[in-house]
Protein backbone atom coordinates (compact mmCIF):
# COMPACT_ATOMS: atom_id res chain seq x y z
CA MET A 1 -12.98 6.42 -19.03
CA ARG A 2 -14.68 2.89 -20.09
CA ASN A 3 -16.00 1.24 -16.92
CA ILE A 4 -13.43 -1.96 -17.18
CA PHE A 5 -10.57 -0.86 -14.89
CA LEU A 6 -13.04 0.29 -12.03
CA ASN A 7 -15.14 -2.91 -12.03
CA ASN A 8 -12.28 -4.94 -12.37
CA LEU A 9 -10.64 -3.74 -9.56
CA SER A 10 -13.75 -3.23 -7.51
CA GLU A 11 -14.77 -7.25 -8.04
CA LEU A 12 -11.07 -8.19 -7.09
CA HIS A 13 -11.86 -6.11 -4.26
CA GLN A 14 -14.76 -7.22 -2.92
CA LEU A 15 -13.31 -11.21 -3.30
CA LEU A 16 -10.14 -10.43 -1.52
CA GLY A 17 -11.84 -8.51 1.41
CA GLY A 18 -14.57 -11.64 1.87
CA PHE A 19 -11.59 -13.97 2.47
CA SER A 20 -10.56 -11.73 5.43
CA GLY A 21 -13.78 -11.31 6.93
CA ALA A 22 -13.41 -7.31 5.83
CA SER A 23 -16.53 -5.29 5.99
CA VAL A 24 -17.74 -5.15 2.20
CA GLY A 25 -20.67 -3.29 -0.28
CA HIS A 26 -22.01 -1.51 -2.37
CA SER A 27 -24.01 1.62 -2.91
CA ASN A 28 -24.61 3.48 -5.77
CA GLN A 29 -21.41 3.91 -7.99
CA LEU A 30 -19.38 3.12 -5.11
CA SER A 31 -18.28 -0.45 -3.64
CA TRP A 32 -15.85 -0.48 -0.64
CA VAL A 33 -13.94 -2.94 1.97
CA LEU A 34 -13.24 -1.78 5.28
CA CYS A 35 -10.44 -3.64 6.65
CA LYS A 36 -8.55 -3.84 9.92
CA PRO A 37 -6.33 -0.31 10.13
CA ASN A 38 -3.43 -0.86 8.12
CA HIS A 39 -4.58 -4.16 6.02
CA TRP A 40 -5.11 -4.26 1.98
CA PRO A 41 -7.36 -3.71 0.63
CA ASP A 42 -8.72 -1.09 2.42
CA SER A 43 -10.99 1.43 -0.24
CA VAL A 44 -13.89 2.97 -1.89
CA ILE A 45 -14.23 2.38 -4.99
CA GLY A 46 -16.00 4.90 -7.54
CA ASN A 47 -17.34 8.64 -8.38
CA PRO A 48 -19.64 9.62 -5.20
CA GLY A 49 -20.57 12.57 -7.33
CA ILE A 50 -21.00 16.17 -6.09
CA ASP A 51 -23.18 15.62 -3.94
CA GLY A 52 -22.20 12.45 -1.90
CA ILE A 53 -18.59 13.76 -1.29
CA GLN A 54 -19.07 15.23 2.28
CA GLU A 55 -21.31 11.49 3.21
CA VAL A 56 -18.30 9.60 2.19
CA ALA A 57 -15.78 11.70 3.84
CA ASP A 58 -17.83 12.04 6.59
CA LYS A 59 -17.99 7.74 6.59
CA MET A 60 -14.45 7.96 6.49
CA GLU A 61 -14.05 10.59 9.64
CA ILE A 62 -15.77 8.53 11.46
CA GLY A 63 -14.44 4.72 9.98
CA LEU A 64 -17.40 3.35 8.52
CA LEU A 65 -15.69 3.82 5.24
CA PRO A 66 -12.00 2.59 4.44
CA PRO A 67 -9.92 6.00 4.41
CA PHE A 68 -9.03 5.74 0.19
CA LEU A 69 -11.58 6.71 -2.66
CA VAL A 70 -10.13 5.27 -6.15
CA VAL A 71 -11.84 7.75 -8.59
CA PRO A 72 -11.00 8.19 -12.70
CA LEU A 73 -9.72 11.56 -12.07
CA SER A 74 -11.33 12.63 -15.18
CA GLU A 75 -14.91 12.60 -13.85
CA ILE A 76 -13.79 14.68 -10.75
CA GLU A 77 -11.62 17.04 -11.93
CA GLU A 78 -14.71 19.81 -12.11
CA GLN A 79 -15.44 18.96 -8.19
CA LEU A 80 -11.54 18.90 -6.94
CA PRO A 81 -12.19 21.98 -4.50
CA LEU A 82 -15.18 19.96 -3.14
CA PHE A 83 -12.48 16.78 -2.13
CA ARG A 84 -10.29 19.38 -0.95
CA GLN A 85 -13.07 21.29 1.64
CA ASN A 86 -13.44 17.76 3.09
CA GLY A 87 -10.16 16.74 3.72
CA LEU A 88 -9.37 14.72 0.59
CA ARG A 89 -5.97 14.60 -0.35
CA GLU A 90 -4.82 12.85 -4.07
CA VAL A 91 -1.65 10.67 -2.88
CA PHE A 92 -1.03 8.64 -6.05
CA ARG A 93 -2.54 8.75 -9.84
CA TRP A 94 -1.48 6.29 -12.37
CA GLU A 95 -2.06 5.70 -16.14
CA ALA A 96 -5.46 3.60 -17.09
CA MET A 97 -4.21 1.28 -19.96
CA SER A 98 -5.50 -1.40 -22.04
CA LEU A 99 -4.23 -4.16 -24.17
CA LYS A 100 -5.96 -5.96 -27.24
CA SER A 101 -3.82 -9.56 -28.35
CA ALA A 102 -3.35 -8.48 -31.97
CA ASP A 103 -1.53 -4.79 -30.69
CA PHE A 104 0.56 -7.30 -27.60
CA CYS A 105 4.31 -7.32 -28.74
CA PRO A 106 5.22 -9.57 -26.29
CA CYS A 107 9.44 -9.47 -24.75
CA ASN A 108 11.16 -12.71 -26.10
CA GLU A 109 14.50 -11.91 -25.16
CA ILE A 110 16.26 -15.01 -22.57
CA ILE A 111 18.06 -13.80 -20.24
CA LYS A 112 21.00 -15.98 -18.36
CA GLY A 113 19.67 -17.35 -15.07
CA TYR A 114 16.44 -15.94 -14.91
CA GLU A 115 13.01 -18.35 -14.70
CA VAL A 116 9.44 -16.53 -14.21
CA LYS A 117 7.05 -19.40 -12.00
CA SER A 118 3.79 -20.24 -11.06
CA VAL A 119 3.13 -19.50 -8.09
CA ASP A 120 1.84 -23.63 -6.87
CA ASP A 121 2.91 -24.37 -4.03
CA GLU A 122 3.42 -22.51 0.11
CA GLN A 123 6.99 -22.08 -0.97
CA ILE A 124 6.54 -19.60 -4.06
CA LEU A 125 3.71 -17.80 -2.35
CA ASN A 126 6.23 -16.93 0.49
CA ASP A 127 8.79 -15.91 -2.06
CA TRP A 128 5.82 -14.40 -4.41
CA ILE A 129 4.13 -11.82 -0.94
CA GLY A 130 7.93 -11.42 0.18
CA ILE A 131 8.70 -9.14 -2.72
CA ILE A 132 5.36 -7.47 -3.01
CA LYS A 133 5.74 -6.38 1.01
CA GLN A 134 9.70 -5.54 0.03
CA VAL A 135 8.26 -2.82 -2.72
CA LEU A 136 5.07 -1.90 -2.75
CA MET A 137 3.27 -2.55 0.74
CA GLN A 138 5.76 -2.01 3.23
CA ASN A 139 3.32 0.51 5.15
CA LYS A 140 0.29 -2.23 4.58
CA ILE A 141 -0.22 -5.71 5.90
CA ILE A 142 -1.77 -8.76 3.68
CA SER A 143 -3.31 -11.69 5.81
CA GLU A 144 -3.78 -14.78 5.32
CA GLN A 145 -6.67 -15.95 5.07
CA VAL A 146 -6.66 -13.06 1.62
CA LEU A 147 -3.23 -14.71 0.81
CA ASN A 148 -4.40 -18.61 0.49
CA GLY A 149 -7.16 -16.82 -1.35
CA MET A 150 -5.79 -15.46 -4.23
CA PHE A 151 -3.29 -18.76 -4.03
CA GLN A 152 -6.34 -21.37 -4.39
CA HIS A 153 -8.59 -19.11 -6.41
CA PRO A 154 -9.28 -20.07 -10.03
CA ASP A 155 -9.30 -16.30 -11.41
CA VAL A 156 -6.25 -15.45 -9.66
CA THR A 157 -2.59 -16.47 -11.00
CA LEU A 158 0.54 -15.73 -9.54
CA MET A 159 3.72 -15.31 -10.84
CA VAL A 160 7.31 -14.96 -9.40
CA GLY A 161 10.32 -14.22 -11.26
CA TYR A 162 13.72 -16.51 -10.31
CA PHE A 163 17.04 -14.91 -11.16
CA ASN A 164 19.88 -17.31 -10.40
CA ASN A 165 17.41 -19.05 -8.32
CA GLN A 166 16.65 -16.15 -6.38
CA PRO A 167 13.09 -14.14 -6.29
CA VAL A 168 13.51 -10.64 -7.80
CA SER A 169 10.04 -10.35 -9.71
CA ALA A 170 6.57 -10.64 -8.90
CA GLY A 171 3.11 -9.98 -10.74
CA MET A 172 -0.64 -11.01 -10.31
CA VAL A 173 -3.21 -11.14 -12.91
CA PHE A 174 -7.07 -10.84 -12.41
CA VAL A 175 -10.01 -12.51 -15.04
CA ARG A 176 -13.25 -11.65 -14.33
CA GLU A 177 -15.79 -11.27 -17.53
CA GLY A 178 -12.73 -11.80 -20.25
CA VAL A 179 -11.14 -8.55 -18.85
CA ALA A 180 -7.66 -9.75 -17.74
CA GLY A 181 -6.11 -7.00 -13.92
CA LEU A 182 -2.57 -6.85 -13.97
CA TYR A 183 -1.59 -5.86 -10.92
CA PHE A 184 1.09 -6.20 -8.02
CA ILE A 185 4.01 -5.77 -10.88
CA ALA A 186 7.02 -5.88 -8.79
CA THR A 187 10.92 -6.07 -9.40
CA LEU A 188 13.55 -5.82 -6.41
CA SER A 189 15.15 -2.46 -6.48
CA GLU A 190 19.01 -3.79 -7.54
CA TYR A 191 17.40 -5.94 -10.26
CA GLN A 192 15.34 -3.39 -12.01
CA ARG A 193 16.03 -1.74 -15.62
CA ARG A 194 17.25 -5.05 -16.54
CA GLY A 195 15.00 -6.66 -18.62
CA LEU A 196 13.46 -8.82 -16.06
CA GLY A 197 10.30 -6.55 -15.50
CA ALA A 198 9.57 -7.24 -19.41
CA VAL A 199 9.27 -10.86 -19.52
CA LEU A 200 7.56 -10.88 -15.91
CA VAL A 201 4.68 -9.28 -17.58
CA SER A 202 5.04 -10.78 -20.84
CA ARG A 203 4.99 -14.20 -18.84
CA LEU A 204 1.60 -12.97 -17.59
CA ILE A 205 -0.10 -11.77 -20.71
CA GLN A 206 0.58 -14.28 -22.24
CA ASP A 207 -0.64 -17.02 -19.47
CA SER A 208 -4.22 -14.76 -19.56
CA PHE A 209 -4.92 -14.78 -23.21
CA SER A 210 -3.90 -18.02 -23.47
CA LYS A 211 -6.59 -18.64 -20.94
CA GLY A 212 -9.06 -17.18 -22.73
CA ALA A 213 -8.99 -13.35 -21.76
CA ASN A 214 -10.41 -10.65 -24.45
CA GLU A 215 -8.54 -8.07 -23.24
CA ILE A 216 -5.67 -7.29 -20.58
CA ILE A 217 -5.79 -3.92 -18.08
CA LEU A 218 -3.78 -2.19 -15.66
CA GLN A 219 -2.57 1.11 -13.48
CA ALA A 220 0.70 1.84 -14.25
CA SER A 221 3.39 4.58 -12.65
CA VAL A 222 4.83 6.95 -13.97
CA ALA A 223 7.91 4.36 -14.32
CA GLY A 224 6.11 1.94 -15.58
CA LYS A 225 4.13 3.65 -18.34
CA LYS A 226 7.30 2.86 -20.73
CA LEU A 227 7.34 -0.21 -20.51
CA TYR A 228 3.62 -0.87 -21.11
CA LEU A 229 3.56 1.13 -24.49
CA LYS A 230 6.05 -1.29 -25.56
CA LEU A 231 3.91 -4.18 -25.10
CA GLY A 232 1.73 -2.23 -26.82
CA PHE A 233 -0.45 -1.33 -23.90
CA ILE A 234 -2.58 1.87 -24.80
CA PRO A 235 -3.04 4.81 -22.32
CA GLU A 236 -7.02 5.25 -21.58
CA GLY A 237 -7.16 7.88 -19.31
CA GLU A 238 -5.57 8.69 -15.16
CA ILE A 239 -6.87 7.29 -11.85
CA SER A 240 -6.19 9.01 -8.72
CA VAL A 241 -6.63 7.93 -5.48
CA PHE A 242 -7.73 10.43 -2.82
CA TRP A 243 -6.97 9.64 1.16
CA LYS A 244 -8.69 11.20 4.23
CA LEU A 245 -6.84 13.33 5.78
CA GLY A 246 -5.66 12.04 9.67
CA LYS A 247 -6.65 8.55 8.81
CA TYR A 248 -4.56 5.78 9.36
């Protein structure tokens, strides 16, 4: 898997962790953000290698590193027994996908009563976080400092989709070195499978390309992969999230 997937995610986490005063750091092929318990972001990103798995797990155990490790699955398949021996359990798996402008198949469907807006004031920001908390982060806290940092930073774009003036969908894009990473793509359950998410994602993609991005990347869930394939994304491998047993 190409480095751009974890690099973009790592840079986003480092940026947002800095807003909240979290402990951030780099070591060899790893980066991390250590927040308060149950706050986001709170992950180690990268492959510790065979010689580093136990050290990472031990530091997670005593709270020197966050209890989540994000790693390309293809790079650690032979190391999985060591992950298990050190109490690291896989809890999520995503498909890394990428898109070039020439392959983009935008969703131009006009849905009556549906409008996508950029987050440019506090009310829309509150609508954005309301959707994200309800759909994606019911057990995590995003601090006010992180939210304000996201809202104000020029490399971050937030959008909200409104159906009959009600906020129902949300998404974010983070651009760094010509690569635009899509994150936090969410639609309220009662409004899913109506094409609203496709319109929102298309708008985020179009906005990113218009601002000079050369490539769009994302980590797709099983449910979302079909949508992204229709938009022109191609799969590039799987990314796994491992959790240190017993930690928050």
